[in-house]
Amino acid sequence: MSVRSDIKTLLAENDISITSLAKKLSEKTGKYYSQSNISQKLMRQTLKYEEAKLIGEILGYELKFVRVKPYI
């Protein structure tokens, strides 16, 4: 799965639109986010790690790394 599909799935599961997410991101950061801006970041795969963390926080999730196999 891509970050785009993961985030869109989480938005659908939580019944939140990208427009609503943009408004909440803008309120939380003080930086303007639009529906178009977020959609473009997801499509181009240019979403920053901090933005992904904030989206997770807004949706009630925690972003973390989980080891799936031993270090080689």
PDB file of N, CA and C in Angstrom:
ATOM      1  N   MET A   1       0.834  -1.190   0.000  1.00  0.00           N
ATOM      2  CA  MET A   1       0.000   0.000   0.000  1.00  0.00           C
ATOM      3  C   MET A   1       0.876   1.250   0.000  1.00  0.00           C
ATOM      4  N   SER A   2       0.348   2.301  -0.588  1.00  0.00           N
ATOM      5  CA  SER A   2       1.058   3.569  -0.607  1.00  0.00           C
ATOM      6  C   SER A   2       0.542   4.456   0.525  1.00  0.00           C
ATOM      7  N   VAL A   3       1.296   5.494   0.807  1.00  0.00           N
ATOM      8  CA  VAL A   3       0.873   6.448   1.833  1.00  0.00           C
ATOM      9  C   VAL A   3      -0.473   7.056   1.427  1.00  0.00           C
ATOM     10  N   ARG A   4      -0.619   7.321   0.147  1.00  0.00           N
ATOM     11  CA  ARG A   4      -1.868   7.911  -0.358  1.00  0.00           C
ATOM     12  C   ARG A   4      -3.064   7.014  -0.033  1.00  0.00           C
ATOM     13  N   SER A   5      -2.952   5.741  -0.384  1.00  0.00           N
ATOM     14  CA  SER A   5      -4.082   4.846  -0.131  1.00  0.00           C
ATOM     15  C   SER A   5      -4.293   4.609   1.360  1.00  0.00           C
ATOM     16  N   ASP A   6      -3.201   4.567   2.134  1.00  0.00           N
ATOM     17  CA  ASP A   6      -3.335   4.411   3.581  1.00  0.00           C
ATOM     18  C   ASP A   6      -4.112   5.575   4.187  1.00  0.00           C
ATOM     19  N   ILE A   7      -3.731   6.789   3.836  1.00  0.00           N
ATOM     20  CA  ILE A   7      -4.382   7.973   4.406  1.00  0.00           C
ATOM     21  C   ILE A   7      -5.820   8.082   3.915  1.00  0.00           C
ATOM     22  N   LYS A   8      -6.049   7.815   2.636  1.00  0.00           N
ATOM     23  CA  LYS A   8      -7.420   7.878   2.128  1.00  0.00           C
ATOM     24  C   LYS A   8      -8.298   6.824   2.801  1.00  0.00           C
ATOM     25  N   THR A   9      -7.744   5.663   3.086  1.00  0.00           N
ATOM     26  CA  THR A   9      -8.494   4.624   3.796  1.00  0.00           C
ATOM     27  C   THR A   9      -8.847   5.081   5.204  1.00  0.00           C
ATOM     28  N   LEU A  10      -7.855   5.663   5.901  1.00  0.00           N
ATOM     29  CA  LEU A  10      -8.104   6.155   7.256  1.00  0.00           C
ATOM     30  C   LEU A  10      -9.148   7.270   7.255  1.00  0.00           C
ATOM     31  N   LEU A  11      -9.085   8.148   6.268  1.00  0.00           N
ATOM     32  CA  LEU A  11     -10.088   9.219   6.167  1.00  0.00           C
ATOM     33  C   LEU A  11     -11.479   8.624   5.977  1.00  0.00           C
ATOM     34  N   ALA A  12     -11.595   7.644   5.102  1.00  0.00           N
ATOM     35  CA  ALA A  12     -12.899   7.013   4.851  1.00  0.00           C
ATOM     36  C   ALA A  12     -13.407   6.291   6.094  1.00  0.00           C
ATOM     37  N   GLU A  13     -12.523   5.565   6.772  1.00  0.00           N
ATOM     38  CA  GLU A  13     -12.920   4.836   7.982  1.00  0.00           C
ATOM     39  C   GLU A  13     -13.395   5.769   9.085  1.00  0.00           C
ATOM     40  N   ASN A  14     -12.823   6.974   9.110  1.00  0.00           N
ATOM     41  CA  ASN A  14     -13.184   7.943  10.148  1.00  0.00           C
ATOM     42  C   ASN A  14     -14.192   8.979   9.656  1.00  0.00           C
ATOM     43  N   ASP A  15     -14.711   8.778   8.443  1.00  0.00           N
ATOM     44  CA  ASP A  15     -15.718   9.654   7.852  1.00  0.00           C
ATOM     45  C   ASP A  15     -15.294  11.121   7.878  1.00  0.00           C
ATOM     46  N   ILE A  16     -14.052  11.361   7.434  1.00  0.00           N
ATOM     47  CA  ILE A  16     -13.513  12.720   7.380  1.00  0.00           C
ATOM     48  C   ILE A  16     -13.084  12.999   5.943  1.00  0.00           C
ATOM     49  N   SER A  17     -13.461  14.147   5.414  1.00  0.00           N
ATOM     50  CA  SER A  17     -13.092  14.520   4.049  1.00  0.00           C
ATOM     51  C   SER A  17     -11.705  15.153   4.042  1.00  0.00           C
ATOM     52  N   ILE A  18     -11.108  15.203   2.865  1.00  0.00           N
ATOM     53  CA  ILE A  18      -9.808  15.859   2.735  1.00  0.00           C
ATOM     54  C   ILE A  18      -9.956  17.345   3.035  1.00  0.00           C
ATOM     55  N   THR A  19     -11.087  17.930   2.689  1.00  0.00           N
ATOM     56  CA  THR A  19     -11.347  19.345   2.982  1.00  0.00           C
ATOM     57  C   THR A  19     -11.353  19.591   4.485  1.00  0.00           C
ATOM     58  N   SER A  20     -12.024  18.714   5.220  1.00  0.00           N
ATOM     59  CA  SER A  20     -12.063  18.832   6.673  1.00  0.00           C
ATOM     60  C   SER A  20     -10.674  18.618   7.269  1.00  0.00           C
ATOM     61  N   LEU A  21      -9.940  17.661   6.735  1.00  0.00           N
ATOM     62  CA  LEU A  21      -8.570  17.414   7.195  1.00  0.00           C
ATOM     63  C   LEU A  21      -7.704  18.646   6.957  1.00  0.00           C
ATOM     64  N   ALA A  22      -7.844  19.261   5.789  1.00  0.00           N
ATOM     65  CA  ALA A  22      -7.066  20.465   5.472  1.00  0.00           C
ATOM     66  C   ALA A  22      -7.345  21.578   6.479  1.00  0.00           C
ATOM     67  N   LYS A  23      -8.605  21.756   6.818  1.00  0.00           N
ATOM     68  CA  LYS A  23      -8.980  22.788   7.796  1.00  0.00           C
ATOM     69  C   LYS A  23      -8.348  22.497   9.155  1.00  0.00           C
ATOM     70  N   LYS A  24      -8.402  21.236   9.585  1.00  0.00           N
ATOM     71  CA  LYS A  24      -7.825  20.872  10.881  1.00  0.00           C
ATOM     72  C   LYS A  24      -6.306  21.015  10.884  1.00  0.00           C
ATOM     73  N   LEU A  25      -5.659  20.652   9.764  1.00  0.00           N
ATOM     74  CA  LEU A  25      -4.205  20.837   9.668  1.00  0.00           C
ATOM     75  C   LEU A  25      -3.852  22.322   9.747  1.00  0.00           C
ATOM     76  N   SER A  26      -4.615  23.152   9.055  1.00  0.00           N
ATOM     77  CA  SER A  26      -4.376  24.603   9.076  1.00  0.00           C
ATOM     78  C   SER A  26      -4.516  25.159  10.481  1.00  0.00           C
ATOM     79  N   GLU A  27      -5.555  24.733  11.199  1.00  0.00           N
ATOM     80  CA  GLU A  27      -5.775  25.205  12.566  1.00  0.00           C
ATOM     81  C   GLU A  27      -4.648  24.769  13.489  1.00  0.00           C
ATOM     82  N   LYS A  28      -4.200  23.534  13.309  1.00  0.00           N
ATOM     83  CA  LYS A  28      -3.186  22.965  14.204  1.00  0.00           C
ATOM     84  C   LYS A  28      -1.801  23.565  13.969  1.00  0.00           C
ATOM     85  N   THR A  29      -1.476  23.862  12.709  1.00  0.00           N
ATOM     86  CA  THR A  29      -0.122  24.318  12.381  1.00  0.00           C
ATOM     87  C   THR A  29       0.000  25.823  12.190  1.00  0.00           C
ATOM     88  N   GLY A  30      -1.108  26.483  11.873  1.00  0.00           N
ATOM     89  CA  GLY A  30      -1.037  27.906  11.556  1.00  0.00           C
ATOM     90  C   GLY A  30      -0.609  28.137  10.114  1.00  0.00           C
ATOM     91  N   LYS A  31      -0.361  27.061   9.385  1.00  0.00           N
ATOM     92  CA  LYS A  31       0.009  27.125   7.972  1.00  0.00           C
ATOM     93  C   LYS A  31      -1.213  26.737   7.159  1.00  0.00           C
ATOM     94  N   TYR A  32      -1.448  27.430   6.034  1.00  0.00           N
ATOM     95  CA  TYR A  32      -2.641  27.160   5.237  1.00  0.00           C
ATOM     96  C   TYR A  32      -2.502  25.859   4.448  1.00  0.00           C
ATOM     97  N   TYR A  33      -3.481  24.983   4.600  1.00  0.00           N
ATOM     98  CA  TYR A  33      -3.581  23.752   3.809  1.00  0.00           C
ATOM     99  C   TYR A  33      -4.940  23.771   3.116  1.00  0.00           C
ATOM    100  N   SER A  34      -4.956  23.409   1.839  1.00  0.00           N
ATOM    101  CA  SER A  34      -6.208  23.291   1.099  1.00  0.00           C
ATOM    102  C   SER A  34      -6.425  21.838   0.707  1.00  0.00           C
ATOM    103  N   GLN A  35      -7.639  21.540   0.307  1.00  0.00           N
ATOM    104  CA  GLN A  35      -7.958  20.186  -0.163  1.00  0.00           C
ATOM    105  C   GLN A  35      -7.064  19.833  -1.335  1.00  0.00           C
ATOM    106  N   SER A  36      -6.896  20.772  -2.239  1.00  0.00           N
ATOM    107  CA  SER A  36      -6.071  20.556  -3.428  1.00  0.00           C
ATOM    108  C   SER A  36      -4.611  20.304  -3.055  1.00  0.00           C
ATOM    109  N   ASN A  37      -4.112  21.080  -2.107  1.00  0.00           N
ATOM    110  CA  ASN A  37      -2.724  20.952  -1.665  1.00  0.00           C
ATOM    111  C   ASN A  37      -2.453  19.562  -1.092  1.00  0.00           C
ATOM    112  N   ILE A  38      -3.336  19.086  -0.247  1.00  0.00           N
ATOM    113  CA  ILE A  38      -3.158  17.763   0.361  1.00  0.00           C
ATOM    114  C   ILE A  38      -3.296  16.670  -0.696  1.00  0.00           C
ATOM    115  N   SER A  39      -4.271  16.797  -1.570  1.00  0.00           N
ATOM    116  CA  SER A  39      -4.462  15.803  -2.629  1.00  0.00           C
ATOM    117  C   SER A  39      -3.227  15.708  -3.518  1.00  0.00           C
ATOM    118  N   GLN A  40      -2.657  16.855  -3.855  1.00  0.00           N
ATOM    119  CA  GLN A  40      -1.460  16.870  -4.698  1.00  0.00           C
ATOM    120  C   GLN A  40      -0.267  16.240  -3.978  1.00  0.00           C
ATOM    121  N   LYS A  41      -0.103  16.539  -2.697  1.00  0.00           N
ATOM    122  CA  LYS A  41       0.988  15.944  -1.920  1.00  0.00           C
ATOM    123  C   LYS A  41       0.852  14.423  -1.874  1.00  0.00           C
ATOM    124  N   LEU A  42      -0.373  13.943  -1.718  1.00  0.00           N
ATOM    125  CA  LEU A  42      -0.603  12.499  -1.677  1.00  0.00           C
ATOM    126  C   LEU A  42      -0.353  11.868  -3.043  1.00  0.00           C
ATOM    127  N   MET A  43      -0.820  12.521  -4.098  1.00  0.00           N
ATOM    128  CA  MET A  43      -0.665  11.979  -5.442  1.00  0.00           C
ATOM    129  C   MET A  43       0.807  11.957  -5.868  1.00  0.00           C
ATOM    130  N   ARG A  44       1.536  13.017  -5.542  1.00  0.00           N
ATOM    131  CA  ARG A  44       2.948  13.118  -5.933  1.00  0.00           C
ATOM    132  C   ARG A  44       3.898  12.435  -4.957  1.00  0.00           C
ATOM    133  N   GLN A  45       3.338  11.954  -3.858  1.00  0.00           N
ATOM    134  CA  GLN A  45       4.112  11.317  -2.789  1.00  0.00           C
ATOM    135  C   GLN A  45       5.177  12.266  -2.232  1.00  0.00           C
ATOM    136  N   THR A  46       4.752  13.501  -1.943  1.00  0.00           N
ATOM    137  CA  THR A  46       5.644  14.504  -1.380  1.00  0.00           C
ATOM    138  C   THR A  46       5.220  14.939   0.021  1.00  0.00           C
ATOM    139  N   LEU A  47       4.371  14.145   0.656  1.00  0.00           N
ATOM    140  CA  LEU A  47       3.927  14.445   2.014  1.00  0.00           C
ATOM    141  C   LEU A  47       5.115  14.298   2.966  1.00  0.00           C
ATOM    142  N   LYS A  48       5.349  15.298   3.789  1.00  0.00           N
ATOM    143  CA  LYS A  48       6.455  15.246   4.742  1.00  0.00           C
ATOM    144  C   LYS A  48       6.106  14.338   5.916  1.00  0.00           C
ATOM    145  N   TYR A  49       7.135  13.801   6.535  1.00  0.00           N
ATOM    146  CA  TYR A  49       6.957  12.919   7.690  1.00  0.00           C
ATOM    147  C   TYR A  49       6.170  13.632   8.789  1.00  0.00           C
ATOM    148  N   GLU A  50       6.500  14.868   9.071  1.00  0.00           N
ATOM    149  CA  GLU A  50       5.802  15.627  10.114  1.00  0.00           C
ATOM    150  C   GLU A  50       4.334  15.825   9.760  1.00  0.00           C
ATOM    151  N   GLU A  51       4.036  16.025   8.477  1.00  0.00           N
ATOM    152  CA  GLU A  51       2.650  16.168   8.054  1.00  0.00           C
ATOM    153  C   GLU A  51       1.895  14.850   8.236  1.00  0.00           C
ATOM    154  N   ALA A  52       2.557  13.747   7.921  1.00  0.00           N
ATOM    155  CA  ALA A  52       1.934  12.431   8.121  1.00  0.00           C
ATOM    156  C   ALA A  52       1.660  12.190   9.600  1.00  0.00           C
ATOM    157  N   LYS A  53       2.601  12.579  10.462  1.00  0.00           N
ATOM    158  CA  LYS A  53       2.393  12.441  11.904  1.00  0.00           C
ATOM    159  C   LYS A  53       1.202  13.267  12.365  1.00  0.00           C
ATOM    160  N   LEU A  54       1.088  14.497  11.865  1.00  0.00           N
ATOM    161  CA  LEU A  54      -0.028  15.366  12.236  1.00  0.00           C
ATOM    162  C   LEU A  54      -1.360  14.807  11.756  1.00  0.00           C
ATOM    163  N   ILE A  55      -1.381  14.275  10.550  1.00  0.00           N
ATOM    164  CA  ILE A  55      -2.605  13.673  10.033  1.00  0.00           C
ATOM    165  C   ILE A  55      -3.009  12.505  10.926  1.00  0.00           C
ATOM    166  N   GLY A  56      -2.037  11.682  11.282  1.00  0.00           N
ATOM    167  CA  GLY A  56      -2.316  10.569  12.181  1.00  0.00           C
ATOM    168  C   GLY A  56      -2.866  11.050  13.511  1.00  0.00           C
ATOM    169  N   GLU A  57      -2.250  12.076  14.049  1.00  0.00           N
ATOM    170  CA  GLU A  57      -2.694  12.637  15.335  1.00  0.00           C
ATOM    171  C   GLU A  57      -4.128  13.154  15.245  1.00  0.00           C
ATOM    172  N   ILE A  58      -4.436  13.853  14.172  1.00  0.00           N
ATOM    173  CA  ILE A  58      -5.785  14.380  13.976  1.00  0.00           C
ATOM    174  C   ILE A  58      -6.806  13.248  13.905  1.00  0.00           C
ATOM    175  N   LEU A  59      -6.414  12.143  13.271  1.00  0.00           N
ATOM    176  CA  LEU A  59      -7.322  11.004  13.112  1.00  0.00           C
ATOM    177  C   LEU A  59      -7.300  10.054  14.303  1.00  0.00           C
ATOM    178  N   GLY A  60      -6.428  10.329  15.282  1.00  0.00           N
ATOM    179  CA  GLY A  60      -6.377   9.498  16.479  1.00  0.00           C
ATOM    180  C   GLY A  60      -5.419   8.322  16.377  1.00  0.00           C
ATOM    181  N   TYR A  61      -4.405   8.442  15.517  1.00  0.00           N
ATOM    182  CA  TYR A  61      -3.426   7.372  15.333  1.00  0.00           C
ATOM    183  C   TYR A  61      -2.031   7.864  15.687  1.00  0.00           C
ATOM    184  N   GLU A  62      -1.160   6.920  15.952  1.00  0.00           N
ATOM    185  CA  GLU A  62       0.237   7.210  16.240  1.00  0.00           C
ATOM    186  C   GLU A  62       1.082   6.604  15.121  1.00  0.00           C
ATOM    187  N   LEU A  63       1.980   7.382  14.579  1.00  0.00           N
ATOM    188  CA  LEU A  63       2.869   6.908  13.524  1.00  0.00           C
ATOM    189  C   LEU A  63       4.156   6.427  14.169  1.00  0.00           C
ATOM    190  N   LYS A  64       4.513   5.154  13.931  1.00  0.00           N
ATOM    191  CA  LYS A  64       5.746   4.648  14.506  1.00  0.00           C
ATOM    192  C   LYS A  64       6.315   3.558  13.621  1.00  0.00           C
ATOM    193  N   PHE A  65       7.596   3.293  13.815  1.00  0.00           N
ATOM    194  CA  PHE A  65       8.278   2.242  13.075  1.00  0.00           C
ATOM    195  C   PHE A  65       8.187   0.949  13.856  1.00  0.00           C
ATOM    196  N   VAL A  66       7.870  -0.140  13.153  1.00  0.00           N
ATOM    197  CA  VAL A  66       7.746  -1.440  13.773  1.00  0.00           C
ATOM    198  C   VAL A  66       8.673  -2.408  13.039  1.00  0.00           C
ATOM    199  N   ARG A  67       9.571  -3.050  13.767  1.00  0.00           N
ATOM    200  CA  ARG A  67      10.486  -3.998  13.154  1.00  0.00           C
ATOM    201  C   ARG A  67       9.711  -5.235  12.713  1.00  0.00           C
ATOM    202  N   VAL A  68       9.893  -5.613  11.455  1.00  0.00           N
ATOM    203  CA  VAL A  68       9.185  -6.771  10.926  1.00  0.00           C
ATOM    204  C   VAL A  68      10.120  -7.956  10.682  1.00  0.00           C
ATOM    205  N   LYS A  69      11.411  -7.673  10.621  1.00  0.00           N
ATOM    206  CA  LYS A  69      12.378  -8.769  10.489  1.00  0.00           C
ATOM    207  C   LYS A  69      13.697  -8.309  11.092  1.00  0.00           C
ATOM    208  N   PRO A  70      14.580  -9.226  11.445  1.00  0.00           N
ATOM    209  CA  PRO A  70      15.853  -8.855  12.078  1.00  0.00           C
ATOM    210  C   PRO A  70      16.701  -7.980  11.160  1.00  0.00           C
ATOM    211  N   TYR A  71      17.471  -7.128  11.774  1.00  0.00           N
ATOM    212  CA  TYR A  71      18.408  -6.274  11.062  1.00  0.00           C
ATOM    213  C   TYR A  71      19.476  -7.145  10.406  1.00  0.00           C
ATOM    214  N   ILE A  72      19.785  -6.847   9.164  1.00  0.00           N
ATOM    215  CA  ILE A  72      20.784  -7.640   8.427  1.00  0.00           C
ATOM    216  C   ILE A  72      22.119  -6.938   8.434  1.00  0.00           C
TER     217      ILE A  72
END
